[in-house]
PDB file of N, CA and C in Angstrom:
ATOM      1  N   GLN A   1       1.098  -0.828   0.003  1.00  0.00           N
ATOM      2  CA  GLN A   1      -0.392   0.144  -0.139  1.00  0.00           C
ATOM      3  C   GLN A   1       0.635   1.433  -0.076  1.00  0.00           C
ATOM      4  N   VAL A   2       0.300   2.319  -0.704  1.00  0.00           N
ATOM      5  CA  VAL A   2       0.670   3.520  -0.303  1.00  0.00           C
ATOM      6  C   VAL A   2       0.143   4.397   0.634  1.00  0.00           C
ATOM      7  N   GLN A   3       0.771   5.794   0.660  1.00  0.00           N
ATOM      8  CA  GLN A   3      -0.032   6.279   1.548  1.00  0.00           C
ATOM      9  C   GLN A   3       0.835   7.998   1.077  1.00  0.00           C
ATOM     10  N   VAL A   4      -0.111   9.253   0.603  1.00  0.00           N
ATOM     11  CA  VAL A   4      -0.053  10.262  -0.274  1.00  0.00           C
ATOM     12  C   VAL A   4      -0.205  11.355   1.237  1.00  0.00           C
ATOM     13  N   VAL A   5       0.348  11.999   0.946  1.00  0.00           N
ATOM     14  CA  VAL A   5      -0.500  13.300   1.782  1.00  0.00           C
ATOM     15  C   VAL A   5       0.007  14.697   1.330  1.00  0.00           C
ATOM     16  N   GLU A   6      -0.549  15.636   0.708  1.00  0.00           N
ATOM     17  CA  GLU A   6      -0.539  17.118   0.213  1.00  0.00           C
ATOM     18  C   GLU A   6      -0.077  17.817   1.171  1.00  0.00           C
ATOM     19  N   SER A   7       0.550  19.006   0.848  1.00  0.00           N
ATOM     20  CA  SER A   7       0.731  20.059   1.971  1.00  0.00           C
ATOM     21  C   SER A   7       0.789  21.144   0.529  1.00  0.00           C
ATOM     22  N   GLY A   8       0.414  22.292   0.649  1.00  0.00           N
ATOM     23  CA  GLY A   8       0.651  23.546  -0.007  1.00  0.00           C
ATOM     24  C   GLY A   8      -0.370  24.388  -0.346  1.00  0.00           C
ATOM     25  N   GLY A   9      -1.567  23.835  -0.046  1.00  0.00           N
ATOM     26  CA  GLY A   9      -2.946  24.790  -0.755  1.00  0.00           C
ATOM     27  C   GLY A   9      -2.674  25.843   0.039  1.00  0.00           C
ATOM     28  N   GLY A  10      -3.899  27.149  -0.568  1.00  0.00           N
ATOM     29  CA  GLY A  10      -3.778  28.411   0.067  1.00  0.00           C
ATOM     30  C   GLY A  10      -4.364  28.814  -0.984  1.00  0.00           C
ATOM     31  N   LEU A  11      -4.488  30.708  -0.397  1.00  0.00           N
ATOM     32  CA  LEU A  11      -5.431  31.802  -1.417  1.00  0.00           C
ATOM     33  C   LEU A  11      -4.497  32.638  -1.750  1.00  0.00           C
ATOM     34  N   VAL A  12      -4.668  32.163  -3.079  1.00  0.00           N
ATOM     35  CA  VAL A  12      -3.542  33.834  -3.394  1.00  0.00           C
ATOM     36  C   VAL A  12      -4.217  34.523  -4.752  1.00  0.00           C
ATOM     37  N   GLN A  13      -4.038  35.543  -4.639  1.00  0.00           N
ATOM     38  CA  GLN A  13      -4.603  36.937  -6.147  1.00  0.00           C
ATOM     39  C   GLN A  13      -3.863  36.136  -7.444  1.00  0.00           C
ATOM     40  N   ALA A  14      -4.880  35.941  -8.033  1.00  0.00           N
ATOM     41  CA  ALA A  14      -4.642  36.263  -9.925  1.00  0.00           C
ATOM     42  C   ALA A  14      -3.439  36.483  -9.738  1.00  0.00           C
ATOM     43  N   GLY A  15      -2.410  35.486 -10.590  1.00  0.00           N
ATOM     44  CA  GLY A  15      -0.721  36.767 -11.059  1.00  0.00           C
ATOM     45  C   GLY A  15       0.191  35.434 -10.153  1.00  0.00           C
ATOM     46  N   GLY A  16      -0.540  35.098  -8.340  1.00  0.00           N
ATOM     47  CA  GLY A  16       0.231  35.018  -8.018  1.00  0.00           C
ATOM     48  C   GLY A  16       0.782  33.340  -8.214  1.00  0.00           C
ATOM     49  N   SER A  17       1.635  32.798  -6.666  1.00  0.00           N
ATOM     50  CA  SER A  17       2.093  31.449  -7.258  1.00  0.00           C
ATOM     51  C   SER A  17       2.199  30.665  -5.579  1.00  0.00           C
ATOM     52  N   LEU A  18       2.313  29.412  -5.715  1.00  0.00           N
ATOM     53  CA  LEU A  18       1.799  28.572  -5.056  1.00  0.00           C
ATOM     54  C   LEU A  18       2.990  27.341  -5.450  1.00  0.00           C
ATOM     55  N   ARG A  19       3.196  26.563  -4.336  1.00  0.00           N
ATOM     56  CA  ARG A  19       3.818  25.615  -4.551  1.00  0.00           C
ATOM     57  C   ARG A  19       3.253  23.982  -3.468  1.00  0.00           C
ATOM     58  N   LEU A  20       2.710  23.166  -4.794  1.00  0.00           N
ATOM     59  CA  LEU A  20       2.218  22.054  -3.787  1.00  0.00           C
ATOM     60  C   LEU A  20       2.725  20.860  -4.104  1.00  0.00           C
ATOM     61  N   SER A  21       3.283  20.173  -2.291  1.00  0.00           N
ATOM     62  CA  SER A  21       4.141  19.579  -2.569  1.00  0.00           C
ATOM     63  C   SER A  21       3.310  17.830  -1.495  1.00  0.00           C
ATOM     64  N   CYS A  22       3.420  16.859  -2.249  1.00  0.00           N
ATOM     65  CA  CYS A  22       3.259  15.797  -2.371  1.00  0.00           C
ATOM     66  C   CYS A  22       4.589  14.117  -1.542  1.00  0.00           C
ATOM     67  N   ALA A  23       4.020  13.620  -0.450  1.00  0.00           N
ATOM     68  CA  ALA A  23       4.726  13.206   0.195  1.00  0.00           C
ATOM     69  C   ALA A  23       3.876  11.514  -0.171  1.00  0.00           C
ATOM     70  N   ALA A  24       4.973  10.684  -0.936  1.00  0.00           N
ATOM     71  CA  ALA A  24       4.669   9.155  -0.360  1.00  0.00           C
ATOM     72  C   ALA A  24       5.770   8.363   0.589  1.00  0.00           C
ATOM     73  N   SER A  25       4.365   7.800   0.897  1.00  0.00           N
ATOM     74  CA  SER A  25       4.886   6.561   1.950  1.00  0.00           C
ATOM     75  C   SER A  25       4.479   5.111   1.153  1.00  0.00           C
ATOM     76  N   GLY A  26       5.141   3.811   2.621  1.00  0.00           N
ATOM     77  CA  GLY A  26       4.681   3.211   1.974  1.00  0.00           C
ATOM     78  C   GLY A  26       5.943   2.098   0.943  1.00  0.00           C
ATOM     79  N   SER A  27       5.043   1.482   0.420  1.00  0.00           N
ATOM     80  CA  SER A  27       5.305   0.727  -0.730  1.00  0.00           C
ATOM     81  C   SER A  27       6.021   1.575  -1.901  1.00  0.00           C
ATOM     82  N   THR A  28       6.437   2.391  -1.584  1.00  0.00           N
ATOM     83  CA  THR A  28       7.117   3.414  -2.598  1.00  0.00           C
ATOM     84  C   THR A  28       7.768   2.927  -4.109  1.00  0.00           C
ATOM     85  N   PHE A  29       8.532   1.357  -3.334  1.00  0.00           N
ATOM     86  CA  PHE A  29       9.205   1.344  -4.962  1.00  0.00           C
ATOM     87  C   PHE A  29       8.306   0.861  -5.943  1.00  0.00           C
ATOM     88  N   SER A  30       7.171   1.111  -5.497  1.00  0.00           N
ATOM     89  CA  SER A  30       6.128   0.369  -6.900  1.00  0.00           C
ATOM     90  C   SER A  30       5.985   1.417  -7.278  1.00  0.00           C
ATOM     91  N   ILE A  31       5.660   2.461  -7.090  1.00  0.00           N
ATOM     92  CA  ILE A  31       5.296   4.118  -7.597  1.00  0.00           C
ATOM     93  C   ILE A  31       5.609   3.053  -9.701  1.00  0.00           C
ATOM     94  N   ASN A  32       5.168   3.980  -9.898  1.00  0.00           N
ATOM     95  CA  ASN A  32       5.209   4.256 -11.620  1.00  0.00           C
ATOM     96  C   ASN A  32       5.164   5.748 -11.352  1.00  0.00           C
ATOM     97  N   ASP A  33       4.304   6.509 -11.842  1.00  0.00           N
ATOM     98  CA  ASP A  33       3.876   7.805 -11.639  1.00  0.00           C
ATOM     99  C   ASP A  33       3.442   8.182 -10.539  1.00  0.00           C
ATOM    100  N   MET A  34       3.590   9.455 -11.095  1.00  0.00           N
ATOM    101  CA  MET A  34       3.294  10.917  -9.899  1.00  0.00           C
ATOM    102  C   MET A  34       2.183  11.948 -10.804  1.00  0.00           C
ATOM    103  N   GLY A  35       1.436  12.156  -9.754  1.00  0.00           N
ATOM    104  CA  GLY A  35       0.637  13.111 -10.500  1.00  0.00           C
ATOM    105  C   GLY A  35      -0.204  14.159  -9.330  1.00  0.00           C
ATOM    106  N   TRP A  36      -0.800  15.174 -10.082  1.00  0.00           N
ATOM    107  CA  TRP A  36      -1.915  16.211  -9.669  1.00  0.00           C
ATOM    108  C   TRP A  36      -2.790  15.923 -10.748  1.00  0.00           C
ATOM    109  N   TYR A  37      -4.548  15.936  -9.805  1.00  0.00           N
ATOM    110  CA  TYR A  37      -5.203  16.378  -9.983  1.00  0.00           C
ATOM    111  C   TYR A  37      -6.019  17.508  -9.527  1.00  0.00           C
ATOM    112  N   ARG A  38      -7.021  17.792 -10.560  1.00  0.00           N
ATOM    113  CA  ARG A  38      -8.311  18.725  -9.341  1.00  0.00           C
ATOM    114  C   ARG A  38      -9.448  18.783  -9.677  1.00  0.00           C
ATOM    115  N   GLN A  39     -10.180  19.152  -8.855  1.00  0.00           N
ATOM    116  CA  GLN A  39     -12.204  19.032  -9.003  1.00  0.00           C
ATOM    117  C   GLN A  39     -12.234  20.546  -8.294  1.00  0.00           C
ATOM    118  N   ALA A  40     -12.941  21.092  -9.540  1.00  0.00           N
ATOM    119  CA  ALA A  40     -14.216  22.387  -9.159  1.00  0.00           C
ATOM    120  C   ALA A  40     -14.906  22.057  -8.768  1.00  0.00           C
ATOM    121  N   GLY A  41     -15.545  23.150  -8.270  1.00  0.00           N
ATOM    122  CA  GLY A  41     -17.224  22.673  -7.561  1.00  0.00           C
ATOM    123  C   GLY A  41     -17.900  22.290  -8.090  1.00  0.00           C
ATOM    124  N   GLY A  42     -19.002  21.184  -8.999  1.00  0.00           N
ATOM    125  CA  GLY A  42     -19.601  20.670  -9.724  1.00  0.00           C
ATOM    126  C   GLY A  42     -19.241  20.154 -10.864  1.00  0.00           C
ATOM    127  N   LYS A  43     -17.956  20.245 -10.821  1.00  0.00           N
ATOM    128  CA  LYS A  43     -16.918  19.689 -11.566  1.00  0.00           C
ATOM    129  C   LYS A  43     -16.500  17.925 -11.774  1.00  0.00           C
ATOM    130  N   GLN A  44     -15.962  17.411 -12.637  1.00  0.00           N
ATOM    131  CA  GLN A  44     -15.283  16.079 -12.628  1.00  0.00           C
ATOM    132  C   GLN A  44     -13.930  16.210 -11.815  1.00  0.00           C
ATOM    133  N   ARG A  45     -13.377  15.511 -11.747  1.00  0.00           N
ATOM    134  CA  ARG A  45     -11.436  15.381 -11.787  1.00  0.00           C
ATOM    135  C   ARG A  45     -11.416  15.446 -12.782  1.00  0.00           C
ATOM    136  N   GLU A  46     -10.304  16.745 -12.953  1.00  0.00           N
ATOM    137  CA  GLU A  46      -9.343  16.056 -13.933  1.00  0.00           C
ATOM    138  C   GLU A  46      -7.886  16.309 -13.714  1.00  0.00           C
ATOM    139  N   LEU A  47      -7.323  15.950 -14.704  1.00  0.00           N
ATOM    140  CA  LEU A  47      -5.360  15.704 -14.691  1.00  0.00           C
ATOM    141  C   LEU A  47      -5.230  17.026 -14.701  1.00  0.00           C
ATOM    142  N   VAL A  48      -3.769  17.717 -13.979  1.00  0.00           N
ATOM    143  CA  VAL A  48      -3.389  18.234 -14.226  1.00  0.00           C
ATOM    144  C   VAL A  48      -1.958  18.552 -14.571  1.00  0.00           C
ATOM    145  N   ALA A  49      -1.534  17.200 -13.983  1.00  0.00           N
ATOM    146  CA  ALA A  49       0.036  17.144 -14.719  1.00  0.00           C
ATOM    147  C   ALA A  49       0.325  16.231 -14.019  1.00  0.00           C
ATOM    148  N   VAL A  50       1.253  14.826 -14.629  1.00  0.00           N
ATOM    149  CA  VAL A  50       1.740  14.106 -14.752  1.00  0.00           C
ATOM    150  C   VAL A  50       3.430  13.680 -14.495  1.00  0.00           C
ATOM    151  N   ILE A  51       3.875  12.783 -13.609  1.00  0.00           N
ATOM    152  CA  ILE A  51       5.373  12.463 -13.743  1.00  0.00           C
ATOM    153  C   ILE A  51       5.185  10.831 -13.612  1.00  0.00           C
ATOM    154  N   ASP A  52       6.498  10.715 -14.599  1.00  0.00           N
ATOM    155  CA  ASP A  52       6.470   8.888 -14.284  1.00  0.00           C
ATOM    156  C   ASP A  52       8.048   9.121 -13.632  1.00  0.00           C
ATOM    157  N   ASN A  53       8.400   7.716 -13.188  1.00  0.00           N
ATOM    158  CA  ASN A  53       9.613   7.987 -12.725  1.00  0.00           C
ATOM    159  C   ASN A  53      10.679   7.773 -13.769  1.00  0.00           C
ATOM    160  N   ARG A  54      10.793   8.045 -14.410  1.00  0.00           N
ATOM    161  CA  ARG A  54      12.042   8.285 -15.430  1.00  0.00           C
ATOM    162  C   ARG A  54      12.564  10.002 -15.528  1.00  0.00           C
ATOM    163  N   GLY A  55      11.051  10.889 -15.213  1.00  0.00           N
ATOM    164  CA  GLY A  55      10.853  12.272 -15.003  1.00  0.00           C
ATOM    165  C   GLY A  55      10.309  12.183 -16.605  1.00  0.00           C
ATOM    166  N   ASN A  56       9.544  11.559 -17.213  1.00  0.00           N
ATOM    167  CA  ASN A  56       8.740  12.113 -18.857  1.00  0.00           C
ATOM    168  C   ASN A  56       7.110  12.971 -17.745  1.00  0.00           C
ATOM    169  N   THR A  57       6.957  13.755 -18.298  1.00  0.00           N
ATOM    170  CA  THR A  57       5.855  15.001 -17.688  1.00  0.00           C
ATOM    171  C   THR A  57       4.811  14.944 -19.032  1.00  0.00           C
ATOM    172  N   ARG A  58       3.138  15.091 -18.412  1.00  0.00           N
ATOM    173  CA  ARG A  58       2.520  15.368 -19.248  1.00  0.00           C
ATOM    174  C   ARG A  58       1.436  16.466 -18.400  1.00  0.00           C
ATOM    175  N   TYR A  59       1.255  17.503 -19.399  1.00  0.00           N
ATOM    176  CA  TYR A  59       0.478  18.645 -19.036  1.00  0.00           C
ATOM    177  C   TYR A  59      -1.382  18.793 -19.554  1.00  0.00           C
ATOM    178  N   ALA A  60      -1.561  19.225 -18.225  1.00  0.00           N
ATOM    179  CA  ALA A  60      -3.247  19.588 -19.113  1.00  0.00           C
ATOM    180  C   ALA A  60      -2.834  20.321 -20.158  1.00  0.00           C
ATOM    181  N   ASP A  61      -3.731  20.827 -21.249  1.00  0.00           N
ATOM    182  CA  ASP A  61      -3.333  22.061 -22.097  1.00  0.00           C
ATOM    183  C   ASP A  61      -3.824  23.903 -21.424  1.00  0.00           C
ATOM    184  N   SER A  62      -4.870  23.453 -20.500  1.00  0.00           N
ATOM    185  CA  SER A  62      -4.849  24.904 -19.088  1.00  0.00           C
ATOM    186  C   SER A  62      -3.820  25.654 -18.217  1.00  0.00           C
ATOM    187  N   VAL A  63      -2.892  24.375 -18.740  1.00  0.00           N
ATOM    188  CA  VAL A  63      -2.106  24.754 -17.606  1.00  0.00           C
ATOM    189  C   VAL A  63      -0.178  24.606 -17.830  1.00  0.00           C
ATOM    190  N   LYS A  64      -0.639  24.462 -19.176  1.00  0.00           N
ATOM    191  CA  LYS A  64       0.658  24.249 -19.678  1.00  0.00           C
ATOM    192  C   LYS A  64       1.343  25.904 -19.818  1.00  0.00           C
ATOM    193  N   GLY A  65       2.966  25.876 -19.237  1.00  0.00           N
ATOM    194  CA  GLY A  65       3.125  27.371 -19.737  1.00  0.00           C
ATOM    195  C   GLY A  65       3.915  27.695 -18.177  1.00  0.00           C
ATOM    196  N   ARG A  66       2.258  27.755 -17.645  1.00  0.00           N
ATOM    197  CA  ARG A  66       2.486  27.681 -16.042  1.00  0.00           C
ATOM    198  C   ARG A  66       2.675  27.837 -14.978  1.00  0.00           C
ATOM    199  N   PHE A  67       2.483  25.731 -15.295  1.00  0.00           N
ATOM    200  CA  PHE A  67       2.166  24.570 -13.750  1.00  0.00           C
ATOM    201  C   PHE A  67       4.030  24.332 -14.302  1.00  0.00           C
ATOM    202  N   THR A  68       4.509  23.526 -13.180  1.00  0.00           N
ATOM    203  CA  THR A  68       5.681  22.770 -12.936  1.00  0.00           C
ATOM    204  C   THR A  68       5.796  21.730 -12.296  1.00  0.00           C
ATOM    205  N   ILE A  69       5.622  20.391 -12.733  1.00  0.00           N
ATOM    206  CA  ILE A  69       5.719  19.524 -11.426  1.00  0.00           C
ATOM    207  C   ILE A  69       7.189  19.074 -11.915  1.00  0.00           C
ATOM    208  N   SER A  70       7.249  18.556 -11.081  1.00  0.00           N
ATOM    209  CA  SER A  70       8.651  17.860 -10.625  1.00  0.00           C
ATOM    210  C   SER A  70       9.031  16.708  -9.482  1.00  0.00           C
ATOM    211  N   ARG A  71       9.368  15.945  -9.315  1.00  0.00           N
ATOM    212  CA  ARG A  71       9.696  14.925  -8.565  1.00  0.00           C
ATOM    213  C   ARG A  71      10.642  14.652  -7.973  1.00  0.00           C
ATOM    214  N   ASP A  72      10.744  13.872  -6.561  1.00  0.00           N
ATOM    215  CA  ASP A  72      12.720  13.729  -6.089  1.00  0.00           C
ATOM    216  C   ASP A  72      12.191  12.731  -5.739  1.00  0.00           C
ATOM    217  N   ASN A  73      12.591  11.576  -6.090  1.00  0.00           N
ATOM    218  CA  ASN A  73      12.426  10.169  -6.018  1.00  0.00           C
ATOM    219  C   ASN A  73      12.905   9.359  -4.905  1.00  0.00           C
ATOM    220  N   ALA A  74      14.368  10.545  -4.556  1.00  0.00           N
ATOM    221  CA  ALA A  74      14.833   9.867  -3.426  1.00  0.00           C
ATOM    222  C   ALA A  74      13.619  10.309  -1.778  1.00  0.00           C
ATOM    223  N   LYS A  75      13.244  11.049  -2.439  1.00  0.00           N
ATOM    224  CA  LYS A  75      12.203  11.407  -1.153  1.00  0.00           C
ATOM    225  C   LYS A  75      11.003  10.809  -1.486  1.00  0.00           C
ATOM    226  N   ASN A  76      10.878  10.446  -2.564  1.00  0.00           N
ATOM    227  CA  ASN A  76       9.515  10.078  -2.387  1.00  0.00           C
ATOM    228  C   ASN A  76       8.208  11.252  -3.071  1.00  0.00           C
ATOM    229  N   THR A  77       8.513  12.495  -3.357  1.00  0.00           N
ATOM    230  CA  THR A  77       7.860  13.812  -3.154  1.00  0.00           C
ATOM    231  C   THR A  77       8.035  14.191  -4.250  1.00  0.00           C
ATOM    232  N   VAL A  78       6.479  14.759  -4.840  1.00  0.00           N
ATOM    233  CA  VAL A  78       6.188  15.131  -6.173  1.00  0.00           C
ATOM    234  C   VAL A  78       5.556  16.670  -6.060  1.00  0.00           C
ATOM    235  N   TYR A  79       6.243  17.767  -6.861  1.00  0.00           N
ATOM    236  CA  TYR A  79       5.941  18.991  -6.247  1.00  0.00           C
ATOM    237  C   TYR A  79       5.246  19.720  -7.432  1.00  0.00           C
ATOM    238  N   LEU A  80       4.593  20.498  -7.784  1.00  0.00           N
ATOM    239  CA  LEU A  80       4.200  21.374  -8.258  1.00  0.00           C
ATOM    240  C   LEU A  80       3.840  22.698  -7.754  1.00  0.00           C
ATOM    241  N   GLN A  81       4.781  23.507  -9.008  1.00  0.00           N
ATOM    242  CA  GLN A  81       4.989  24.910  -9.172  1.00  0.00           C
ATOM    243  C   GLN A  81       3.340  25.848 -10.383  1.00  0.00           C
ATOM    244  N   MET A  82       3.109  26.371  -9.048  1.00  0.00           N
ATOM    245  CA  MET A  82       2.332  27.174 -10.161  1.00  0.00           C
ATOM    246  C   MET A  82       2.296  28.311  -9.764  1.00  0.00           C
ATOM    247  N   ASN A  83       2.407  29.195 -10.926  1.00  0.00           N
ATOM    248  CA  ASN A  83       2.695  30.478 -11.724  1.00  0.00           C
ATOM    249  C   ASN A  83       1.375  31.034 -12.124  1.00  0.00           C
ATOM    250  N   ASN A  84       1.484  32.315 -11.995  1.00  0.00           N
ATOM    251  CA  ASN A  84       0.207  33.240 -12.936  1.00  0.00           C
ATOM    252  C   ASN A  84      -1.321  32.407 -12.583  1.00  0.00           C
ATOM    253  N   LEU A  85      -1.136  32.077 -11.550  1.00  0.00           N
ATOM    254  CA  LEU A  85      -2.481  31.704 -10.840  1.00  0.00           C
ATOM    255  C   LEU A  85      -3.576  32.605 -11.972  1.00  0.00           C
ATOM    256  N   LYS A  86      -5.106  31.872 -11.906  1.00  0.00           N
ATOM    257  CA  LYS A  86      -5.898  32.150 -12.794  1.00  0.00           C
ATOM    258  C   LYS A  86      -7.230  32.434 -11.722  1.00  0.00           C
ATOM    259  N   ALA A  87      -8.080  32.813 -11.863  1.00  0.00           N
ATOM    260  CA  ALA A  87      -9.086  32.048 -11.214  1.00  0.00           C
ATOM    261  C   ALA A  87     -10.043  30.585 -11.284  1.00  0.00           C
ATOM    262  N   GLU A  88      -9.577  30.829 -12.725  1.00  0.00           N
ATOM    263  CA  GLU A  88     -10.822  29.007 -12.551  1.00  0.00           C
ATOM    264  C   GLU A  88      -9.222  27.870 -12.643  1.00  0.00           C
ATOM    265  N   ASP A  89      -8.258  28.773 -11.623  1.00  0.00           N
ATOM    266  CA  ASP A  89      -7.538  27.225 -11.183  1.00  0.00           C
ATOM    267  C   ASP A  89      -8.277  26.909  -9.583  1.00  0.00           C
ATOM    268  N   THR A  90      -9.242  27.544  -9.261  1.00  0.00           N
ATOM    269  CA  THR A  90      -9.337  27.275  -8.002  1.00  0.00           C
ATOM    270  C   THR A  90      -9.945  26.195  -8.283  1.00  0.00           C
ATOM    271  N   ALA A  91      -9.595  24.960  -6.733  1.00  0.00           N
ATOM    272  CA  ALA A  91     -10.092  24.093  -6.712  1.00  0.00           C
ATOM    273  C   ALA A  91      -9.438  23.203  -5.883  1.00  0.00           C
ATOM    274  N   VAL A  92     -10.100  21.726  -5.881  1.00  0.00           N
ATOM    275  CA  VAL A  92      -9.514  21.049  -4.813  1.00  0.00           C
ATOM    276  C   VAL A  92      -8.633  20.198  -4.994  1.00  0.00           C
ATOM    277  N   TYR A  93      -6.765  20.425  -5.327  1.00  0.00           N
ATOM    278  CA  TYR A  93      -5.853  19.930  -5.666  1.00  0.00           C
ATOM    279  C   TYR A  93      -5.864  18.089  -5.386  1.00  0.00           C
ATOM    280  N   TYR A  94      -5.877  17.231  -5.876  1.00  0.00           N
ATOM    281  CA  TYR A  94      -5.438  15.457  -5.282  1.00  0.00           C
ATOM    282  C   TYR A  94      -3.948  15.476  -5.799  1.00  0.00           C
ATOM    283  N   CYS A  95      -3.282  15.280  -4.706  1.00  0.00           N
ATOM    284  CA  CYS A  95      -1.758  14.536  -5.310  1.00  0.00           C
ATOM    285  C   CYS A  95      -2.855  12.847  -5.750  1.00  0.00           C
ATOM    286  N   ASN A  96      -1.833  11.699  -6.584  1.00  0.00           N
ATOM    287  CA  ASN A  96      -2.253  10.902  -7.001  1.00  0.00           C
ATOM    288  C   ASN A  96      -0.995   9.361  -7.187  1.00  0.00           C
ATOM    289  N   ALA A  97      -0.997   8.563  -7.129  1.00  0.00           N
ATOM    290  CA  ALA A  97       0.271   7.588  -6.857  1.00  0.00           C
ATOM    291  C   ALA A  97      -0.216   6.622  -7.609  1.00  0.00           C
ATOM    292  N   ALA A  98       0.496   6.000  -8.766  1.00  0.00           N
ATOM    293  CA  ALA A  98       0.104   4.730  -9.870  1.00  0.00           C
ATOM    294  C   ALA A  98       1.149   4.150  -9.712  1.00  0.00           C
ATOM    295  N   TYR A  99       0.880   2.469  -9.725  1.00  0.00           N
ATOM    296  CA  TYR A  99       1.192   1.588 -10.090  1.00  0.00           C
ATOM    297  C   TYR A  99       1.145   1.028 -10.576  1.00  0.00           C
ATOM    298  N   TYR A 100       1.221  -0.272 -12.236  1.00  0.00           N
ATOM    299  CA  TYR A 100       1.565  -1.052 -13.049  1.00  0.00           C
ATOM    300  C   TYR A 100       1.238  -2.343 -12.747  1.00  0.00           C
ATOM    301  N   SER A 101       0.638  -3.046 -12.228  1.00  0.00           N
ATOM    302  CA  SER A 101       0.680  -4.477 -12.350  1.00  0.00           C
ATOM    303  C   SER A 101      -0.827  -5.371 -12.550  1.00  0.00           C
ATOM    304  N   VAL A 102      -0.569  -5.709 -13.990  1.00  0.00           N
ATOM    305  CA  VAL A 102      -1.615  -6.133 -14.616  1.00  0.00           C
ATOM    306  C   VAL A 102      -3.014  -5.402 -14.683  1.00  0.00           C
ATOM    307  N   PHE A 103      -3.149  -4.518 -13.752  1.00  0.00           N
ATOM    308  CA  PHE A 103      -4.183  -3.413 -13.835  1.00  0.00           C
ATOM    309  C   PHE A 103      -3.509  -1.967 -12.877  1.00  0.00           C
ATOM    310  N   ARG A 104      -3.956  -0.662 -12.946  1.00  0.00           N
ATOM    311  CA  ARG A 104      -3.564   0.258 -12.811  1.00  0.00           C
ATOM    312  C   ARG A 104      -4.245   0.314 -11.543  1.00  0.00           C
ATOM    313  N   HIS A 105      -3.354   0.490 -10.486  1.00  0.00           N
ATOM    314  CA  HIS A 105      -3.763   0.733  -8.573  1.00  0.00           C
ATOM    315  C   HIS A 105      -3.763   2.872  -8.645  1.00  0.00           C
ATOM    316  N   ASP A 106      -4.629   2.658  -7.939  1.00  0.00           N
ATOM    317  CA  ASP A 106      -3.908   4.336  -7.813  1.00  0.00           C
ATOM    318  C   ASP A 106      -4.557   4.301  -6.556  1.00  0.00           C
ATOM    319  N   PHE A 107      -3.650   5.773  -5.653  1.00  0.00           N
ATOM    320  CA  PHE A 107      -3.624   6.507  -4.751  1.00  0.00           C
ATOM    321  C   PHE A 107      -4.018   7.795  -4.221  1.00  0.00           C
ATOM    322  N   TRP A 108      -4.714   7.968  -3.620  1.00  0.00           N
ATOM    323  CA  TRP A 108      -5.018   9.373  -3.486  1.00  0.00           C
ATOM    324  C   TRP A 108      -4.527  10.112  -2.021  1.00  0.00           C
ATOM    325  N   GLY A 109      -4.440  10.683  -2.332  1.00  0.00           N
ATOM    326  CA  GLY A 109      -4.476  11.895  -0.805  1.00  0.00           C
ATOM    327  C   GLY A 109      -5.843  12.369  -0.663  1.00  0.00           C
ATOM    328  N   GLN A 110      -5.956  13.557   0.588  1.00  0.00           N
ATOM    329  CA  GLN A 110      -7.123  13.901   0.801  1.00  0.00           C
ATOM    330  C   GLN A 110      -7.409  15.416   0.296  1.00  0.00           C
ATOM    331  N   GLY A 111      -6.328  15.543  -0.310  1.00  0.00           N
ATOM    332  CA  GLY A 111      -6.737  17.387  -0.881  1.00  0.00           C
ATOM    333  C   GLY A 111      -6.485  18.272  -0.726  1.00  0.00           C
ATOM    334  N   THR A 112      -6.019  19.314  -1.156  1.00  0.00           N
ATOM    335  CA  THR A 112      -5.721  20.564  -0.736  1.00  0.00           C
ATOM    336  C   THR A 112      -6.335  21.579  -1.508  1.00  0.00           C
ATOM    337  N   GLN A 113      -6.804  22.402  -0.562  1.00  0.00           N
ATOM    338  CA  GLN A 113      -7.522  23.469  -1.402  1.00  0.00           C
ATOM    339  C   GLN A 113      -6.548  25.125  -1.956  1.00  0.00           C
ATOM    340  N   VAL A 114      -6.862  25.441  -3.349  1.00  0.00           N
ATOM    341  CA  VAL A 114      -6.177  26.302  -3.680  1.00  0.00           C
ATOM    342  C   VAL A 114      -7.538  27.332  -4.108  1.00  0.00           C
ATOM    343  N   THR A 115      -7.614  28.509  -3.830  1.00  0.00           N
ATOM    344  CA  THR A 115      -8.260  29.091  -4.269  1.00  0.00           C
ATOM    345  C   THR A 115      -7.536  30.643  -4.645  1.00  0.00           C
ATOM    346  N   VAL A 116      -7.863  31.159  -5.696  1.00  0.00           N
ATOM    347  CA  VAL A 116      -7.440  31.933  -6.658  1.00  0.00           C
ATOM    348  C   VAL A 116      -8.548  33.057  -6.716  1.00  0.00           C
ATOM    349  N   SER A 117      -7.784  34.042  -5.767  1.00  0.00           N
ATOM    350  CA  SER A 117      -9.118  35.777  -6.055  1.00  0.00           C
ATOM    351  C   SER A 117      -8.511  36.024  -7.158  1.00  0.00           C
ATOM    352  N   SER A 118      -9.927  36.753  -8.230  1.00  0.00           N
ATOM    353  CA  SER A 118      -9.587  38.109  -8.879  1.00  0.00           C
ATOM    354  C   SER A 118      -9.619  39.205  -8.833  1.00  0.00           C
TER     355      SER A 118
END
């Protein structure tokens, strides 16, 4: 099993920056991908950014050029640097850790609120 815990959310003005952190513990040797998803009120959870254990990254179009995902494998931690935040980035951000063994296995954090005031 893998446990993930997020930190770093908060309230920021439009144009500002925040950095989210997510630490994984437990059977971390099995993790392939770590990523960030978000869910705004009344909407489905969506992918924000993901990074695999080789450092390959993928971003949602809406955050490209503004958000950067990084990973410290030695610390089993993933970061999301969010710059030039917009009101539409307001959401609960969830950290995800996943490994593949016949099927995909997902582990989620409890979520951290990011609120961007316009």
